[in-house]
Amino acid sequence: MLIRQINLIHPFDASDNIYFLIVGVQQKNESGQFIFPKQVLIDKNIFSVNNIGGKLSFRVYPPWSKPISKTSITIVIMADLILC
């Protein structure tokens, strides 16, 4: 594994001791959580592998939102895959 440089922004890596990523969302009277298993984030190239690739950020859109971005893509992951 490569040593990460201090004070540099980098994506989470497949080797990091993380099992789930939980993103809380809230808008007015609506709230919820997205729960992403580590393997899904690796498969979608959000986590890096061997400190190569990965993303520094990504967007999530709860069901009640209406994204205005023309490049928005909705990916639905079934609850039985998320909640082990």
PDB file of N, CA and C in Angstrom:
ATOM      1  N   MET A   1       0.838  -1.180   0.000  1.00  0.00           N
ATOM      2  CA  MET A   1       0.000   0.000   0.000  1.00  0.00           C
ATOM      3  C   MET A   1       0.883   1.243   0.000  1.00  0.00           C
ATOM      4  N   LEU A   2       0.517   2.211  -0.794  1.00  0.00           N
ATOM      5  CA  LEU A   2       1.260   3.464  -0.838  1.00  0.00           C
ATOM      6  C   LEU A   2       0.976   4.287   0.407  1.00  0.00           C
ATOM      7  N   ILE A   3       1.949   5.027   0.856  1.00  0.00           N
ATOM      8  CA  ILE A   3       1.762   5.936   1.981  1.00  0.00           C
ATOM      9  C   ILE A   3       1.097   7.202   1.453  1.00  0.00           C
ATOM     10  N   ARG A   4       0.010   7.607   2.084  1.00  0.00           N
ATOM     11  CA  ARG A   4      -0.674   8.830   1.661  1.00  0.00           C
ATOM     12  C   ARG A   4       0.046  10.039   2.223  1.00  0.00           C
ATOM     13  N   GLN A   5       0.118  11.079   1.424  1.00  0.00           N
ATOM     14  CA  GLN A   5       0.769  12.297   1.879  1.00  0.00           C
ATOM     15  C   GLN A   5      -0.153  13.049   2.830  1.00  0.00           C
ATOM     16  N   ILE A   6       0.424  13.583   3.891  1.00  0.00           N
ATOM     17  CA  ILE A   6      -0.329  14.330   4.891  1.00  0.00           C
ATOM     18  C   ILE A   6      -0.830  15.632   4.284  1.00  0.00           C
ATOM     19  N   ASN A   7      -2.020  16.044   4.689  1.00  0.00           N
ATOM     20  CA  ASN A   7      -2.655  17.300   4.282  1.00  0.00           C
ATOM     21  C   ASN A   7      -3.105  17.323   2.829  1.00  0.00           C
ATOM     22  N   LEU A   8      -3.201  16.173   2.177  1.00  0.00           N
ATOM     23  CA  LEU A   8      -3.745  16.114   0.828  1.00  0.00           C
ATOM     24  C   LEU A   8      -5.111  15.440   0.883  1.00  0.00           C
ATOM     25  N   ILE A   9      -6.020  15.953   0.088  1.00  0.00           N
ATOM     26  CA  ILE A   9      -7.344  15.347   0.017  1.00  0.00           C
ATOM     27  C   ILE A   9      -7.249  14.111  -0.862  1.00  0.00           C
ATOM     28  N   HIS A  10      -7.853  13.021  -0.419  1.00  0.00           N
ATOM     29  CA  HIS A  10      -7.835  11.785  -1.186  1.00  0.00           C
ATOM     30  C   HIS A  10      -9.106  11.000  -0.892  1.00  0.00           C
ATOM     31  N   PRO A  11      -9.535  10.153  -1.826  1.00  0.00           N
ATOM     32  CA  PRO A  11     -10.738   9.357  -1.576  1.00  0.00           C
ATOM     33  C   PRO A  11     -10.460   8.253  -0.566  1.00  0.00           C
ATOM     34  N   PHE A  12     -11.536   7.727   0.025  1.00  0.00           N
ATOM     35  CA  PHE A  12     -11.382   6.532   0.844  1.00  0.00           C
ATOM     36  C   PHE A  12     -10.852   5.418  -0.049  1.00  0.00           C
ATOM     37  N   ASP A  13     -10.092   4.495   0.548  1.00  0.00           N
ATOM     38  CA  ASP A  13      -9.510   3.390  -0.209  1.00  0.00           C
ATOM     39  C   ASP A  13     -10.123   2.068   0.247  1.00  0.00           C
ATOM     40  N   ALA A  14     -10.118   1.093  -0.640  1.00  0.00           N
ATOM     41  CA  ALA A  14     -10.649  -0.234  -0.325  1.00  0.00           C
ATOM     42  C   ALA A  14      -9.969  -0.834   0.904  1.00  0.00           C
ATOM     43  N   SER A  15      -8.730  -0.460   1.173  1.00  0.00           N
ATOM     44  CA  SER A  15      -8.002  -1.003   2.324  1.00  0.00           C
ATOM     45  C   SER A  15      -8.334  -0.287   3.634  1.00  0.00           C
ATOM     46  N   ASP A  16      -9.062   0.829   3.569  1.00  0.00           N
ATOM     47  CA  ASP A  16      -9.425   1.550   4.793  1.00  0.00           C
ATOM     48  C   ASP A  16     -10.383   0.712   5.635  1.00  0.00           C
ATOM     49  N   ASN A  17     -10.300   0.876   6.930  1.00  0.00           N
ATOM     50  CA  ASN A  17     -11.108   0.106   7.873  1.00  0.00           C
ATOM     51  C   ASN A  17     -12.521   0.691   7.964  1.00  0.00           C
ATOM     52  N   ILE A  18     -13.239   0.640   6.854  1.00  0.00           N
ATOM     53  CA  ILE A  18     -14.595   1.169   6.751  1.00  0.00           C
ATOM     54  C   ILE A  18     -15.462   0.053   6.188  1.00  0.00           C
ATOM     55  N   TYR A  19     -16.638  -0.152   6.774  1.00  0.00           N
ATOM     56  CA  TYR A  19     -17.529  -1.205   6.294  1.00  0.00           C
ATOM     57  C   TYR A  19     -18.771  -0.651   5.610  1.00  0.00           C
ATOM     58  N   PHE A  20     -19.230   0.510   6.073  1.00  0.00           N
ATOM     59  CA  PHE A  20     -20.388   1.185   5.501  1.00  0.00           C
ATOM     60  C   PHE A  20     -20.112   2.676   5.475  1.00  0.00           C
ATOM     61  N   LEU A  21     -20.728   3.371   4.531  1.00  0.00           N
ATOM     62  CA  LEU A  21     -20.718   4.827   4.520  1.00  0.00           C
ATOM     63  C   LEU A  21     -22.170   5.256   4.683  1.00  0.00           C
ATOM     64  N   ILE A  22     -22.449   6.045   5.706  1.00  0.00           N
ATOM     65  CA  ILE A  22     -23.806   6.501   5.983  1.00  0.00           C
ATOM     66  C   ILE A  22     -23.867   7.997   5.720  1.00  0.00           C
ATOM     67  N   VAL A  23     -24.795   8.395   4.856  1.00  0.00           N
ATOM     68  CA  VAL A  23     -24.987   9.800   4.513  1.00  0.00           C
ATOM     69  C   VAL A  23     -26.366  10.210   5.007  1.00  0.00           C
ATOM     70  N   GLY A  24     -26.409  11.177   5.919  1.00  0.00           N
ATOM     71  CA  GLY A  24     -27.680  11.702   6.408  1.00  0.00           C
ATOM     72  C   GLY A  24     -28.124  12.874   5.558  1.00  0.00           C
ATOM     73  N   VAL A  25     -29.420  12.916   5.244  1.00  0.00           N
ATOM     74  CA  VAL A  25     -29.972  14.007   4.443  1.00  0.00           C
ATOM     75  C   VAL A  25     -31.187  14.591   5.152  1.00  0.00           C
ATOM     76  N   GLN A  26     -31.360  15.898   4.986  1.00  0.00           N
ATOM     77  CA  GLN A  26     -32.497  16.568   5.597  1.00  0.00           C
ATOM     78  C   GLN A  26     -32.878  17.757   4.733  1.00  0.00           C
ATOM     79  N   GLN A  27     -34.177  17.926   4.540  1.00  0.00           N
ATOM     80  CA  GLN A  27     -34.687  19.070   3.798  1.00  0.00           C
ATOM     81  C   GLN A  27     -36.081  19.369   4.337  1.00  0.00           C
ATOM     82  N   LYS A  28     -36.224  20.522   4.953  1.00  0.00           N
ATOM     83  CA  LYS A  28     -37.491  20.917   5.581  1.00  0.00           C
ATOM     84  C   LYS A  28     -37.974  19.815   6.512  1.00  0.00           C
ATOM     85  N   ASN A  29     -39.128  19.221   6.240  1.00  0.00           N
ATOM     86  CA  ASN A  29     -39.688  18.194   7.127  1.00  0.00           C
ATOM     87  C   ASN A  29     -39.312  16.774   6.727  1.00  0.00           C
ATOM     88  N   GLU A  30     -38.451  16.625   5.769  1.00  0.00           N
ATOM     89  CA  GLU A  30     -38.034  15.303   5.292  1.00  0.00           C
ATOM     90  C   GLU A  30     -36.623  15.003   5.786  1.00  0.00           C
ATOM     91  N   SER A  31     -36.382  13.743   6.133  1.00  0.00           N
ATOM     92  CA  SER A  31     -35.026  13.339   6.508  1.00  0.00           C
ATOM     93  C   SER A  31     -34.867  11.849   6.252  1.00  0.00           C
ATOM     94  N   GLY A  32     -33.644  11.430   6.114  1.00  0.00           N
ATOM     95  CA  GLY A  32     -33.378  10.021   5.878  1.00  0.00           C
ATOM     96  C   GLY A  32     -31.892   9.749   5.817  1.00  0.00           C
ATOM     97  N   GLN A  33     -31.557   8.508   5.524  1.00  0.00           N
ATOM     98  CA  GLN A  33     -30.159   8.100   5.439  1.00  0.00           C
ATOM     99  C   GLN A  33     -29.949   7.212   4.220  1.00  0.00           C
ATOM    100  N   PHE A  34     -28.808   7.387   3.594  1.00  0.00           N
ATOM    101  CA  PHE A  34     -28.334   6.457   2.585  1.00  0.00           C
ATOM    102  C   PHE A  34     -27.267   5.612   3.268  1.00  0.00           C
ATOM    103  N   ILE A  35     -27.360   4.308   3.144  1.00  0.00           N
ATOM    104  CA  ILE A  35     -26.373   3.405   3.737  1.00  0.00           C
ATOM    105  C   ILE A  35     -25.735   2.625   2.593  1.00  0.00           C
ATOM    106  N   PHE A  36     -24.450   2.886   2.377  1.00  0.00           N
ATOM    107  CA  PHE A  36     -23.726   2.259   1.274  1.00  0.00           C
ATOM    108  C   PHE A  36     -22.736   1.237   1.819  1.00  0.00           C
ATOM    109  N   PRO A  37     -22.855  -0.030   1.452  1.00  0.00           N
ATOM    110  CA  PRO A  37     -21.828  -1.008   1.813  1.00  0.00           C
ATOM    111  C   PRO A  37     -20.525  -0.682   1.082  1.00  0.00           C
ATOM    112  N   LYS A  38     -19.430  -0.997   1.706  1.00  0.00           N
ATOM    113  CA  LYS A  38     -18.111  -0.717   1.140  1.00  0.00           C
ATOM    114  C   LYS A  38     -17.963  -1.284  -0.270  1.00  0.00           C
ATOM    115  N   GLN A  39     -18.413  -2.517  -0.481  1.00  0.00           N
ATOM    116  CA  GLN A  39     -18.216  -3.150  -1.787  1.00  0.00           C
ATOM    117  C   GLN A  39     -18.950  -2.405  -2.899  1.00  0.00           C
ATOM    118  N   VAL A  40     -20.111  -1.845  -2.609  1.00  0.00           N
ATOM    119  CA  VAL A  40     -20.841  -1.061  -3.612  1.00  0.00           C
ATOM    120  C   VAL A  40     -20.026   0.167  -4.001  1.00  0.00           C
ATOM    121  N   LEU A  41     -19.424   0.823  -3.015  1.00  0.00           N
ATOM    122  CA  LEU A  41     -18.618   2.015  -3.289  1.00  0.00           C
ATOM    123  C   LEU A  41     -17.351   1.673  -4.072  1.00  0.00           C
ATOM    124  N   ILE A  42     -16.809   0.508  -3.842  1.00  0.00           N
ATOM    125  CA  ILE A  42     -15.655   0.047  -4.627  1.00  0.00           C
ATOM    126  C   ILE A  42     -16.100  -0.254  -6.060  1.00  0.00           C
ATOM    127  N   ASP A  43     -17.212  -0.985  -6.196  1.00  0.00           N
ATOM    128  CA  ASP A  43     -17.714  -1.362  -7.526  1.00  0.00           C
ATOM    129  C   ASP A  43     -18.080  -0.151  -8.372  1.00  0.00           C
ATOM    130  N   LYS A  44     -18.549   0.915  -7.739  1.00  0.00           N
ATOM    131  CA  LYS A  44     -18.948   2.132  -8.458  1.00  0.00           C
ATOM    132  C   LYS A  44     -17.786   3.115  -8.604  1.00  0.00           C
ATOM    133  N   ASN A  45     -16.568   2.678  -8.256  1.00  0.00           N
ATOM    134  CA  ASN A  45     -15.350   3.502  -8.380  1.00  0.00           C
ATOM    135  C   ASN A  45     -15.397   4.774  -7.539  1.00  0.00           C
ATOM    136  N   ILE A  46     -16.092   4.718  -6.412  1.00  0.00           N
ATOM    137  CA  ILE A  46     -16.106   5.851  -5.487  1.00  0.00           C
ATOM    138  C   ILE A  46     -14.942   5.716  -4.510  1.00  0.00           C
ATOM    139  N   PHE A  47     -14.701   4.506  -4.008  1.00  0.00           N
ATOM    140  CA  PHE A  47     -13.499   4.245  -3.218  1.00  0.00           C
ATOM    141  C   PHE A  47     -12.367   3.916  -4.186  1.00  0.00           C
ATOM    142  N   SER A  48     -11.153   4.323  -3.849  1.00  0.00           N
ATOM    143  CA  SER A  48      -9.998   3.924  -4.649  1.00  0.00           C
ATOM    144  C   SER A  48      -9.617   2.484  -4.296  1.00  0.00           C
ATOM    145  N   VAL A  49      -8.831   1.872  -5.150  1.00  0.00           N
ATOM    146  CA  VAL A  49      -8.293   0.536  -4.894  1.00  0.00           C
ATOM    147  C   VAL A  49      -6.785   0.649  -5.026  1.00  0.00           C
ATOM    148  N   ASN A  50      -6.071   0.267  -3.969  1.00  0.00           N
ATOM    149  CA  ASN A  50      -4.612   0.437  -3.911  1.00  0.00           C
ATOM    150  C   ASN A  50      -4.226   1.895  -4.131  1.00  0.00           C
ATOM    151  N   ASN A  51      -5.052   2.797  -3.595  1.00  0.00           N
ATOM    152  CA  ASN A  51      -4.847   4.249  -3.694  1.00  0.00           C
ATOM    153  C   ASN A  51      -4.816   4.747  -5.133  1.00  0.00           C
ATOM    154  N   ILE A  52      -5.488   4.040  -6.024  1.00  0.00           N
ATOM    155  CA  ILE A  52      -5.603   4.455  -7.424  1.00  0.00           C
ATOM    156  C   ILE A  52      -7.077   4.655  -7.742  1.00  0.00           C
ATOM    157  N   GLY A  53      -7.396   5.780  -8.361  1.00  0.00           N
ATOM    158  CA  GLY A  53      -8.778   6.067  -8.739  1.00  0.00           C
ATOM    159  C   GLY A  53      -9.588   6.579  -7.566  1.00  0.00           C
ATOM    160  N   GLY A  54     -10.871   6.341  -7.618  1.00  0.00           N
ATOM    161  CA  GLY A  54     -11.775   6.812  -6.581  1.00  0.00           C
ATOM    162  C   GLY A  54     -12.251   8.225  -6.854  1.00  0.00           C
ATOM    163  N   LYS A  55     -13.202   8.655  -6.055  1.00  0.00           N
ATOM    164  CA  LYS A  55     -13.771   9.994  -6.210  1.00  0.00           C
ATOM    165  C   LYS A  55     -13.639  10.764  -4.901  1.00  0.00           C
ATOM    166  N   LEU A  56     -13.453  12.057  -5.019  1.00  0.00           N
ATOM    167  CA  LEU A  56     -13.372  12.914  -3.836  1.00  0.00           C
ATOM    168  C   LEU A  56     -14.755  13.267  -3.315  1.00  0.00           C
ATOM    169  N   SER A  57     -15.759  13.173  -4.176  1.00  0.00           N
ATOM    170  CA  SER A  57     -17.129  13.477  -3.753  1.00  0.00           C
ATOM    171  C   SER A  57     -18.112  12.803  -4.695  1.00  0.00           C
ATOM    172  N   PHE A  58     -19.340  12.678  -4.233  1.00  0.00           N
ATOM    173  CA  PHE A  58     -20.427  12.208  -5.082  1.00  0.00           C
ATOM    174  C   PHE A  58     -21.724  12.754  -4.508  1.00  0.00           C
ATOM    175  N   ARG A  59     -22.756  12.794  -5.330  1.00  0.00           N
ATOM    176  CA  ARG A  59     -24.040  13.357  -4.912  1.00  0.00           C
ATOM    177  C   ARG A  59     -25.044  12.245  -4.672  1.00  0.00           C
ATOM    178  N   VAL A  60     -25.896  12.469  -3.704  1.00  0.00           N
ATOM    179  CA  VAL A  60     -27.033  11.583  -3.473  1.00  0.00           C
ATOM    180  C   VAL A  60     -28.297  12.431  -3.503  1.00  0.00           C
ATOM    181  N   TYR A  61     -29.356  11.861  -4.028  1.00  0.00           N
ATOM    182  CA  TYR A  61     -30.630  12.561  -4.120  1.00  0.00           C
ATOM    183  C   TYR A  61     -31.704  11.716  -3.446  1.00  0.00           C
ATOM    184  N   PRO A  62     -32.275  12.206  -2.354  1.00  0.00           N
ATOM    185  CA  PRO A  62     -33.349  11.454  -1.702  1.00  0.00           C
ATOM    186  C   PRO A  62     -34.596  11.440  -2.583  1.00  0.00           C
ATOM    187  N   PRO A  63     -35.501  10.493  -2.345  1.00  0.00           N
ATOM    188  CA  PRO A  63     -36.684  10.356  -3.199  1.00  0.00           C
ATOM    189  C   PRO A  63     -37.537  11.621  -3.295  1.00  0.00           C
ATOM    190  N   TRP A  64     -37.548  12.447  -2.258  1.00  0.00           N
ATOM    191  CA  TRP A  64     -38.396  13.638  -2.270  1.00  0.00           C
ATOM    192  C   TRP A  64     -37.769  14.817  -3.017  1.00  0.00           C
ATOM    193  N   SER A  65     -36.516  14.714  -3.397  1.00  0.00           N
ATOM    194  CA  SER A  65     -35.852  15.841  -4.060  1.00  0.00           C
ATOM    195  C   SER A  65     -36.125  15.821  -5.561  1.00  0.00           C
ATOM    196  N   LYS A  66     -35.931  16.967  -6.161  1.00  0.00           N
ATOM    197  CA  LYS A  66     -36.058  17.095  -7.606  1.00  0.00           C
ATOM    198  C   LYS A  66     -34.763  17.713  -8.122  1.00  0.00           C
ATOM    199  N   PRO A  67     -33.769  16.870  -8.448  1.00  0.00           N
ATOM    200  CA  PRO A  67     -32.482  17.403  -8.908  1.00  0.00           C
ATOM    201  C   PRO A  67     -32.661  18.251 -10.162  1.00  0.00           C
ATOM    202  N   ILE A  68     -31.958  19.378 -10.189  1.00  0.00           N
ATOM    203  CA  ILE A  68     -32.056  20.254 -11.352  1.00  0.00           C
ATOM    204  C   ILE A  68     -30.903  20.034 -12.326  1.00  0.00           C
ATOM    205  N   SER A  69     -29.916  19.262 -11.913  1.00  0.00           N
ATOM    206  CA  SER A  69     -28.766  18.997 -12.771  1.00  0.00           C
ATOM    207  C   SER A  69     -29.164  18.079 -13.923  1.00  0.00           C
ATOM    208  N   LYS A  70     -28.795  18.453 -15.136  1.00  0.00           N
ATOM    209  CA  LYS A  70     -29.100  17.623 -16.302  1.00  0.00           C
ATOM    210  C   LYS A  70     -28.267  16.351 -16.321  1.00  0.00           C
ATOM    211  N   THR A  71     -27.194  16.323 -15.548  1.00  0.00           N
ATOM    212  CA  THR A  71     -26.332  15.143 -15.528  1.00  0.00           C
ATOM    213  C   THR A  71     -26.657  14.212 -14.371  1.00  0.00           C
ATOM    214  N   SER A  72     -27.717  14.495 -13.642  1.00  0.00           N
ATOM    215  CA  SER A  72     -28.085  13.662 -12.496  1.00  0.00           C
ATOM    216  C   SER A  72     -28.465  12.262 -12.953  1.00  0.00           C
ATOM    217  N   ILE A  73     -27.943  11.292 -12.249  1.00  0.00           N
ATOM    218  CA  ILE A  73     -28.277   9.898 -12.518  1.00  0.00           C
ATOM    219  C   ILE A  73     -28.756   9.298 -11.207  1.00  0.00           C
ATOM    220  N   THR A  74     -29.894   8.657 -11.236  1.00  0.00           N
ATOM    221  CA  THR A  74     -30.418   8.020 -10.039  1.00  0.00           C
ATOM    222  C   THR A  74     -30.079   6.541 -10.091  1.00  0.00           C
ATOM    223  N   ILE A  75     -29.440   6.055  -9.044  1.00  0.00           N
ATOM    224  CA  ILE A  75     -29.115   4.641  -8.933  1.00  0.00           C
ATOM    225  C   ILE A  75     -29.865   4.101  -7.725  1.00  0.00           C
ATOM    226  N   VAL A  76     -30.697   3.122  -7.953  1.00  0.00           N
ATOM    227  CA  VAL A  76     -31.471   2.541  -6.869  1.00  0.00           C
ATOM    228  C   VAL A  76     -30.812   1.232  -6.473  1.00  0.00           C
ATOM    229  N   ILE A  77     -30.500   1.110  -5.201  1.00  0.00           N
ATOM    230  CA  ILE A  77     -29.925  -0.121  -4.669  1.00  0.00           C
ATOM    231  C   ILE A  77     -30.969  -0.718  -3.739  1.00  0.00           C
ATOM    232  N   MET A  78     -31.335  -1.941  -3.978  1.00  0.00           N
ATOM    233  CA  MET A  78     -32.391  -2.573  -3.202  1.00  0.00           C
ATOM    234  C   MET A  78     -32.002  -2.652  -1.727  1.00  0.00           C
ATOM    235  N   ALA A  79     -33.003  -2.500  -0.864  1.00  0.00           N
ATOM    236  CA  ALA A  79     -32.768  -2.470   0.579  1.00  0.00           C
ATOM    237  C   ALA A  79     -32.108  -3.745   1.072  1.00  0.00           C
ATOM    238  N   ASP A  80     -32.421  -4.901   0.477  1.00  0.00           N
ATOM    239  CA  ASP A  80     -31.815  -6.135   0.964  1.00  0.00           C
ATOM    240  C   ASP A  80     -30.320  -6.198   0.666  1.00  0.00           C
ATOM    241  N   LEU A  81     -29.837  -5.419  -0.286  1.00  0.00           N
ATOM    242  CA  LEU A  81     -28.400  -5.342  -0.531  1.00  0.00           C
ATOM    243  C   LEU A  81     -27.725  -4.406   0.454  1.00  0.00           C
ATOM    244  N   ILE A  82     -28.473  -3.406   0.918  1.00  0.00           N
ATOM    245  CA  ILE A  82     -27.908  -2.399   1.804  1.00  0.00           C
ATOM    246  C   ILE A  82     -27.939  -2.866   3.254  1.00  0.00           C
ATOM    247  N   LEU A  83     -29.049  -3.406   3.668  1.00  0.00           N
ATOM    248  CA  LEU A  83     -29.212  -3.797   5.065  1.00  0.00           C
ATOM    249  C   LEU A  83     -28.938  -5.284   5.209  1.00  0.00           C
ATOM    250  N   CYS A  84     -27.738  -5.607   5.664  1.00  0.00           N
ATOM    251  CA  CYS A  84     -27.344  -7.011   5.795  1.00  0.00           C
ATOM    252  C   CYS A  84     -27.868  -7.596   7.081  1.00  0.00           C
TER     253      CYS A  84
END
